[in-house]
């Protein structure tokens, strides 16, 4: 089923009480609907990720994407904002968790919300989705090719964040991980390490790796796009959220 929706730019209260920009998409019907915080990738608060946010609304979720670079470059184009954020070492983990918390609170303040909340992120956002699921009382989390969970970021990324595998013990909700077998960040070995750690801890998780796919295989605007992997991945995301977020 596809829902009619509305989408708009809003302001939410993020980490430290900061007012930050966000993109909100929601079905027009009264609901109730589960909520999804969409965590954008390192290239930023861009049109392809806004399209993903609208997709969730069309599938019957209240979706909100906070602009994680609002403080570094308010009003700037996505590429410029991303460059400004990278120059400062990226988004600090504590601030990210605060912004996701604020996004979830905004979703659950809406009369059409059912109180259930999930996250999804891609690349650095995949890591941040995992971080959020280990830090906040979520109902479901999706991490798409989340680099820098098991190993530090490559030096050329100029990021100040570090590995967060040690947080796996604090995972609060079911986790869906989607990976490309040709990716190197995370590599297949990294995926196996995370899978083993979660299994040993008894954490509910589902991992799927796609042959012939590398990093960013969901990105329709990039050469890395792999339609077969992306289509199957979307089916898995829909089924996963249907189990844990839908009314």
Foldseek 3Di string as FASTA:
>chain_A
DFAAKDKDKDWWQFPPRDTFIKIKMAGPDLAQFFEEEEEEDLLWDDDVSSVVQNVVRRVGYTYMYTGQLCVQDNPDHSNVSSVSQLVVQHRDLNRLLRRVVRVLVVRVVDSNYPSAYEYEYFACGLVSRQSNQLPDQHAEYERELHFQQQAQDDVVSSHPDHHNLVSLLSRNYEYEYEAEQAEVRVHPVSVVVSVVSNVVSVHHYHYDYDYPAYGPCLDPVDPRPDVVSNVVVVVVVSVRCVVGGGD
